[in-house]
């Protein structure tokens, strides 16, 4: 509660705010940031949106999404980092040494966030959007359809349609409030989960045909060549790790996505009792116990070789699996 009161105090004297979403943006970082931006605008503030990477096509339906740009701090009175577990996730649009002249507010729900801001609203929730919804109560800003649509997108996408282990009764209560305020759940689900290109089918097909499952770990790799042959859209990889996690034998699912010649994004999912957040933290990333990720440096085969032993150790050190 103290952090929310501090945010209220800081925002009360800010005329212009810069909200930053994390690199490789997903529905939660975008939906939560847009929802907060529209809320602040409703009371007269100027709210600008920044992200080092382009938004995926599936999120461009959100009101105000076209206002995103890879912009750095200019004349804003405050920076708000949304859904970013560490400062590196903000990418090149934020530099602590350069931008430390104004307060940095961090709003995030990842358990691996150690609080890198001047004010840190870091609490475990199903999504950062759920946390923003609670913050709006402290700020005494009423919901409207635009704000509700943005926040519902964050809530729905980060819970994978209310299917993740951190979905709670509080999450459903939040969803009820957002629907009552005008959020169209059917449209959000269609935009977030039901739009794929033909090229994505080919990429998934290649990745799945090369997938391996050993010692409770299922993993697949997506190379630059695979993307180049099928439209080169980075969002093609979205959802693949969640699909792999449905494999019965898997205690950990991993997708290794080569983003350029030097970097590989690693997405991790696990069953309850297996903590992939600890693995991600070891490689400079973060997230949740059952859903985490990080970016590794090196060629794709080398990164896979480096990471697999850590995944095996996580499986072997986990609590025994209970079979029903």
Protein backbone atom coordinates (compact mmCIF):
# COMPACT_ATOMS: atom_id res chain seq x y z
CA UNK A 1 0.00 0.00 0.00
CA UNK A 2 2.91 2.35 0.71
CA UNK A 3 4.21 2.08 -2.87
CA UNK A 4 0.78 2.92 -4.28
CA UNK A 5 0.54 5.99 -2.06
CA UNK A 6 4.02 7.09 -3.14
CA UNK A 7 3.05 6.67 -6.80
CA UNK A 8 -0.05 8.75 -6.18
CA UNK A 9 2.09 11.49 -4.63
CA UNK A 10 4.63 11.49 -7.50
CA UNK A 11 2.04 11.39 -10.26
CA UNK A 12 0.08 14.15 -8.56
CA UNK A 13 2.83 16.60 -9.42
CA UNK A 14 3.72 15.21 -12.88
CA UNK A 15 2.41 16.93 -15.98
CA UNK A 16 4.05 14.58 -18.50
CA UNK A 17 4.84 10.88 -18.03
CA UNK A 18 6.84 8.39 -20.13
CA UNK A 19 5.60 4.79 -19.86
CA UNK A 20 8.06 2.14 -21.05
CA UNK A 21 7.10 -1.40 -22.03
CA UNK A 22 9.71 -4.14 -22.02
CA UNK A 23 11.58 -5.41 -25.07
CA UNK A 24 9.88 -8.13 -27.11
CA UNK A 25 6.56 -6.73 -25.87
CA UNK A 26 3.66 -8.99 -24.91
CA UNK A 27 0.03 -8.37 -24.09
CA UNK A 28 0.61 -7.59 -20.44
CA UNK A 29 3.32 -4.95 -20.79
CA UNK A 30 1.39 -3.25 -23.61
CA UNK A 31 -2.09 -3.60 -22.15
CA UNK A 32 -1.03 -2.48 -18.67
CA UNK A 33 0.93 0.51 -20.00
CA UNK A 34 -1.85 1.60 -22.34
CA UNK A 35 -4.48 1.19 -19.63
CA UNK A 36 -2.47 3.36 -17.25
CA UNK A 37 -1.72 5.90 -19.99
CA UNK A 38 -5.41 6.35 -20.81
CA UNK A 39 -6.21 6.62 -17.10
CA UNK A 40 -3.62 9.37 -16.57
CA UNK A 41 -4.86 11.21 -19.66
CA UNK A 42 -8.38 11.15 -18.28
CA UNK A 43 -7.25 13.51 -15.54
CA UNK A 44 -5.26 15.83 -17.81
CA UNK A 45 -1.75 14.38 -17.85
CA UNK A 46 0.31 13.86 -20.99
CA UNK A 47 1.22 10.16 -21.23
CA UNK A 48 3.70 8.99 -23.87
CA UNK A 49 4.49 5.36 -24.70
CA UNK A 50 7.86 3.84 -25.46
CA UNK A 51 9.24 0.41 -26.37
CA UNK A 52 12.59 -0.49 -27.86
CA UNK A 53 10.93 -3.11 -30.10
CA UNK A 54 7.91 -2.87 -32.42
CA UNK A 55 4.58 -4.12 -31.14
CA UNK A 56 3.46 -7.49 -32.52
CA UNK A 57 0.57 -7.27 -35.00
CA UNK A 58 -1.77 -9.12 -32.62
CA UNK A 59 -1.66 -6.17 -30.18
CA UNK A 60 -2.17 -3.35 -32.65
CA UNK A 61 -5.94 -3.50 -32.20
CA UNK A 62 -5.56 -1.88 -28.78
CA UNK A 63 -6.63 1.76 -28.55
CA UNK A 64 -3.54 3.97 -28.66
CA UNK A 65 -1.15 1.21 -29.75
CA UNK A 66 -0.07 3.29 -32.75
CA UNK A 67 1.38 5.89 -30.36
CA UNK A 68 4.22 3.59 -29.34
CA UNK A 69 7.72 4.56 -30.49
CA UNK A 70 11.29 3.77 -29.49
CA UNK A 71 11.54 7.12 -27.69
CA UNK A 72 13.89 8.07 -24.87
CA UNK A 73 13.20 10.49 -22.04
CA UNK A 74 12.84 14.10 -23.19
CA UNK A 75 10.78 16.61 -21.20
CA UNK A 76 8.78 14.11 -19.13
CA UNK A 77 8.59 14.53 -15.35
CA UNK A 78 8.55 10.82 -14.57
CA UNK A 79 9.33 7.42 -16.12
CA UNK A 80 7.14 4.39 -15.42
CA UNK A 81 8.55 0.95 -16.26
CA UNK A 82 5.68 -1.47 -16.83
CA UNK A 83 6.00 -5.27 -16.45
CA UNK A 84 9.82 -5.24 -16.67
CA UNK A 85 11.54 -7.52 -14.15
CA UNK A 86 14.88 -5.71 -14.44
CA UNK A 87 16.23 -2.54 -16.00
CA UNK A 88 17.86 -4.44 -18.88
CA UNK A 89 14.36 -5.39 -20.08
CA UNK A 90 13.73 -1.73 -20.91
CA UNK A 91 16.31 -1.90 -23.70
CA UNK A 92 18.05 1.09 -25.18
CA UNK A 93 15.22 3.55 -24.56
CA UNK A 94 16.20 3.92 -20.90
CA UNK A 95 19.60 4.57 -19.37
CA UNK A 96 19.82 4.99 -15.60
CA UNK A 97 22.86 7.28 -15.74
CA UNK A 98 21.33 9.46 -18.43
CA UNK A 99 17.72 9.48 -17.23
CA UNK A 100 18.11 9.40 -13.45
CA UNK A 101 17.21 13.09 -13.17
CA UNK A 102 13.52 12.15 -12.95
CA UNK A 103 11.85 9.53 -10.74
CA UNK A 104 11.65 5.96 -12.05
CA UNK A 105 8.49 4.15 -11.00
CA UNK A 106 8.46 0.37 -11.48
CA UNK A 107 5.13 -1.48 -11.70
CA UNK A 108 5.61 -5.22 -12.06
CA UNK A 109 4.30 -8.61 -10.93
CA UNK A 110 7.40 -10.77 -11.46
CA UNK A 111 8.78 -12.46 -8.34
CA UNK A 112 12.35 -12.03 -9.63
CA UNK A 113 12.08 -8.21 -9.62
CA UNK A 114 14.40 -6.85 -6.92
CA UNK A 115 13.19 -3.26 -7.16
CA UNK A 116 15.40 -1.16 -9.41
CA UNK A 117 13.23 1.96 -9.37
CA UNK A 118 12.94 4.91 -7.04
CA UNK A 119 9.44 3.65 -6.26
CA UNK A 120 8.68 -0.05 -6.72
CA UNK A 121 5.16 -1.41 -6.89
CA UNK A 122 6.20 -5.06 -7.18
CA UNK A 123 3.62 -7.56 -5.99
CA UNK A 124 2.86 -11.08 -7.16
CA UNK A 125 -0.30 -11.07 -9.25
CA UNK A 126 -1.54 -12.96 -12.31
CA UNK A 127 -0.50 -9.98 -14.45
CA UNK A 128 0.82 -6.45 -14.19
CA UNK A 129 -2.52 -5.33 -15.64
CA UNK A 130 -4.21 -6.65 -12.50
CA UNK A 131 -1.79 -4.60 -10.41
CA UNK A 132 -2.48 -1.47 -12.47
CA UNK A 133 -6.21 -1.98 -11.95
CA UNK A 134 -5.63 -1.93 -8.19
CA UNK A 135 -3.45 1.18 -8.54
CA UNK A 136 -6.25 3.02 -10.34
CA UNK A 137 -8.36 2.54 -7.23
CA UNK A 138 -5.69 4.29 -5.16
CA UNK A 139 -5.48 7.06 -7.77
CA UNK A 140 -9.29 7.32 -7.69
CA UNK A 141 -9.51 7.10 -11.48
CA UNK A 142 -12.72 5.44 -12.72
CA UNK A 143 -12.70 2.79 -15.42
CA UNK A 144 -14.05 3.34 -18.91
CA UNK A 145 -14.27 0.99 -21.88
CA UNK A 146 -10.89 2.02 -23.30
CA UNK A 147 -8.98 1.50 -20.05
CA UNK A 148 -10.84 -1.77 -19.40
CA UNK A 149 -10.05 -3.13 -22.87
CA UNK A 150 -6.34 -2.51 -22.42
CA UNK A 151 -6.16 -3.98 -18.93
CA UNK A 152 -8.27 -7.01 -19.86
CA UNK A 153 -5.85 -7.75 -22.70
CA UNK A 154 -2.97 -7.82 -20.23
CA UNK A 155 -4.91 -10.04 -17.83
CA UNK A 156 -6.11 -12.49 -20.47
CA UNK A 157 -2.80 -12.86 -22.31
CA UNK A 158 -0.60 -13.27 -19.23
CA UNK A 159 -2.90 -15.90 -17.75
CA UNK A 160 -3.26 -17.64 -21.14
CA UNK A 161 -7.01 -17.31 -20.85
CA UNK A 162 -7.07 -17.86 -17.06
CA UNK A 163 -5.14 -21.12 -17.26
CA UNK A 164 -1.83 -20.30 -15.53
CA UNK A 165 -1.02 -21.37 -11.97
CA UNK A 166 -1.00 -17.78 -10.68
CA UNK A 167 -4.61 -17.18 -11.74
CA UNK A 168 -6.58 -16.54 -8.57
CA UNK A 169 -10.02 -15.57 -7.34
CA UNK A 170 -8.71 -12.00 -7.36
CA UNK A 171 -7.94 -12.39 -11.09
CA UNK A 172 -11.52 -13.41 -11.86
CA UNK A 173 -12.83 -10.55 -9.73
CA UNK A 174 -10.65 -8.16 -11.73
CA UNK A 175 -11.96 -9.65 -14.98
CA UNK A 176 -15.52 -9.13 -13.79
CA UNK A 177 -14.86 -5.47 -13.09
CA UNK A 178 -13.27 -4.96 -16.49
CA UNK A 179 -16.13 -6.68 -18.33
CA UNK A 180 -18.62 -4.54 -16.41
CA UNK A 181 -16.67 -1.47 -17.56
CA UNK A 182 -17.04 -2.50 -21.22
CA UNK A 183 -14.14 -4.83 -22.08
CA UNK A 184 -15.12 -7.22 -24.89
CA UNK A 185 -13.65 -10.56 -23.80
CA UNK A 186 -14.59 -12.33 -27.05
CA UNK A 187 -12.85 -9.72 -29.21
CA UNK A 188 -9.75 -9.71 -27.00
CA UNK A 189 -9.50 -13.49 -27.14
CA UNK A 190 -9.89 -13.45 -30.93
CA UNK A 191 -7.20 -10.81 -31.40
CA UNK A 192 -4.76 -12.30 -28.90
CA UNK A 193 -5.07 -16.02 -29.57
CA UNK A 194 -6.81 -16.69 -32.87
CA UNK A 195 -4.76 -14.83 -35.47
CA UNK A 196 -1.88 -16.58 -37.19
CA UNK A 197 -0.22 -16.36 -40.58
CA UNK A 198 0.34 -19.24 -42.98
CA UNK A 199 4.04 -18.65 -42.46
CA UNK A 200 3.67 -19.30 -38.74
CA UNK A 201 2.29 -22.77 -39.49
CA UNK A 202 5.41 -23.59 -41.47
CA UNK A 203 7.74 -22.29 -38.75
CA UNK A 204 5.90 -24.22 -36.05
CA UNK A 205 5.95 -27.30 -38.25
CA UNK A 206 9.71 -27.13 -38.69
CA UNK A 207 10.30 -26.40 -35.02
CA UNK A 208 8.02 -29.20 -33.84
CA UNK A 209 9.50 -31.71 -36.28
CA UNK A 210 12.89 -31.05 -34.69
CA UNK A 211 11.62 -30.95 -31.10
CA UNK A 212 13.19 -33.30 -28.59
CA UNK A 213 12.00 -34.68 -25.29
CA UNK A 214 14.49 -36.15 -22.85
CA UNK A 215 14.63 -36.45 -19.06
CA UNK A 216 11.40 -34.53 -18.58
CA UNK A 217 12.45 -31.63 -20.82
CA UNK A 218 10.90 -30.88 -24.19
CA UNK A 219 12.56 -28.23 -26.32
CA UNK A 220 12.50 -26.79 -29.82
CA UNK A 221 14.62 -24.28 -31.71
CA UNK A 222 13.64 -21.53 -34.16
CA UNK A 223 16.48 -20.27 -36.34
CA UNK A 224 16.77 -17.10 -38.40
CA UNK A 225 16.62 -19.21 -41.55
CA UNK A 226 13.28 -20.71 -40.54
CA UNK A 227 11.80 -17.24 -40.07
CA UNK A 228 13.35 -15.85 -43.25
CA UNK A 229 11.74 -18.60 -45.31
CA UNK A 230 8.30 -17.83 -43.90
CA UNK A 231 7.78 -14.09 -43.65
CA UNK A 232 10.37 -13.12 -41.02
CA UNK A 233 7.75 -12.13 -38.43
CA UNK A 234 9.14 -12.39 -34.91
CA UNK A 235 5.68 -12.86 -33.37
CA UNK A 236 5.47 -16.17 -35.25
CA UNK A 237 7.23 -17.76 -32.26
CA UNK A 238 4.64 -16.47 -29.78
CA UNK A 239 2.72 -19.28 -28.12
CA UNK A 240 5.04 -22.08 -29.18
CA UNK A 241 6.48 -22.67 -25.71
CA UNK A 242 2.97 -22.84 -24.22
CA UNK A 243 2.06 -25.46 -26.83
CA UNK A 244 5.14 -27.52 -25.95
CA UNK A 245 4.21 -27.33 -22.29
CA UNK A 246 1.10 -29.43 -23.02
CA UNK A 247 3.26 -32.50 -23.67
CA UNK A 248 2.43 -35.06 -20.98
CA UNK A 249 6.03 -36.13 -20.41
CA UNK A 250 7.35 -32.59 -20.04
CA UNK A 251 8.19 -31.08 -16.69
CA UNK A 252 9.94 -28.20 -18.47
CA UNK A 253 9.24 -26.83 -21.95
CA UNK A 254 11.77 -24.56 -23.67
CA UNK A 255 11.91 -22.66 -26.94
CA UNK A 256 15.21 -21.29 -28.22
CA UNK A 257 14.52 -18.43 -30.63
CA UNK A 258 17.50 -16.99 -32.52
CA UNK A 259 16.78 -13.26 -32.82
CA UNK A 260 20.08 -12.38 -34.53
CA UNK A 261 23.55 -13.78 -35.04
CA UNK A 262 24.58 -13.09 -31.44
CA UNK A 263 21.42 -13.45 -29.36
CA UNK A 264 18.93 -16.19 -28.53
CA UNK A 265 15.71 -15.64 -26.62
CA UNK A 266 14.82 -18.55 -24.36
CA UNK A 267 11.23 -19.05 -23.20
CA UNK A 268 10.60 -21.48 -20.34
CA UNK A 269 7.49 -23.10 -18.88
CA UNK A 270 7.22 -25.75 -16.18
CA UNK A 271 4.84 -27.77 -14.08
CA UNK A 272 4.20 -26.74 -10.44
CA UNK A 273 7.14 -27.74 -8.28
CA UNK A 274 9.77 -27.02 -10.96
CA UNK A 275 11.14 -23.49 -10.68
CA UNK A 276 12.26 -22.14 -14.06
CA UNK A 277 12.55 -18.61 -12.65
CA UNK A 278 15.74 -19.73 -10.89
CA UNK A 279 17.13 -20.99 -14.20
CA UNK A 280 16.24 -17.75 -15.95
CA UNK A 281 17.84 -15.70 -13.17
CA UNK A 282 21.06 -17.68 -13.54
CA UNK A 283 21.27 -16.47 -17.15
CA UNK A 284 20.32 -12.86 -16.39
CA UNK A 285 16.57 -13.17 -16.93
CA UNK A 286 13.54 -13.56 -14.73
CA UNK A 287 9.82 -14.14 -14.52
CA UNK A 288 7.68 -16.57 -12.55
CA UNK A 289 8.32 -20.00 -11.10
CA UNK A 290 6.35 -21.65 -13.92
CA UNK A 291 6.92 -19.10 -16.72
CA UNK A 292 10.21 -17.29 -17.28
CA UNK A 293 12.68 -16.30 -19.93
CA UNK A 294 15.97 -14.65 -20.77
CA UNK A 295 18.20 -13.61 -23.65
CA UNK A 296 21.50 -15.44 -24.06
CA UNK A 297 24.53 -14.43 -26.09
CA UNK A 298 26.01 -16.86 -28.58
CA UNK A 299 25.14 -19.08 -31.54
CA UNK A 300 21.94 -21.10 -31.28
CA UNK A 301 23.59 -24.55 -30.83
CA UNK A 302 25.94 -23.25 -28.14
CA UNK A 303 23.15 -21.61 -26.16
CA UNK A 304 21.13 -24.82 -26.22
CA UNK A 305 24.16 -26.76 -25.01
CA UNK A 306 24.73 -24.27 -22.17
CA UNK A 307 21.13 -24.13 -20.99
CA UNK A 308 20.06 -27.78 -21.08
CA UNK A 309 22.23 -28.84 -18.09
CA UNK A 310 20.60 -26.11 -15.98
CA UNK A 311 17.16 -27.35 -17.02
CA UNK A 312 18.09 -30.92 -16.14
CA UNK A 313 19.31 -29.76 -12.73
CA UNK A 314 16.00 -27.94 -12.17
CA UNK A 315 14.05 -31.10 -12.98
CA UNK A 316 16.28 -33.36 -10.86
CA UNK A 317 16.20 -31.00 -7.89
CA UNK A 318 12.44 -30.48 -7.97
CA UNK A 319 9.84 -32.04 -5.75
CA UNK A 320 8.70 -35.49 -6.88
CA UNK A 321 5.85 -35.40 -9.34
CA UNK A 322 2.58 -36.65 -7.90
CA UNK A 323 0.65 -38.87 -10.29
CA UNK A 324 -3.11 -38.95 -9.89
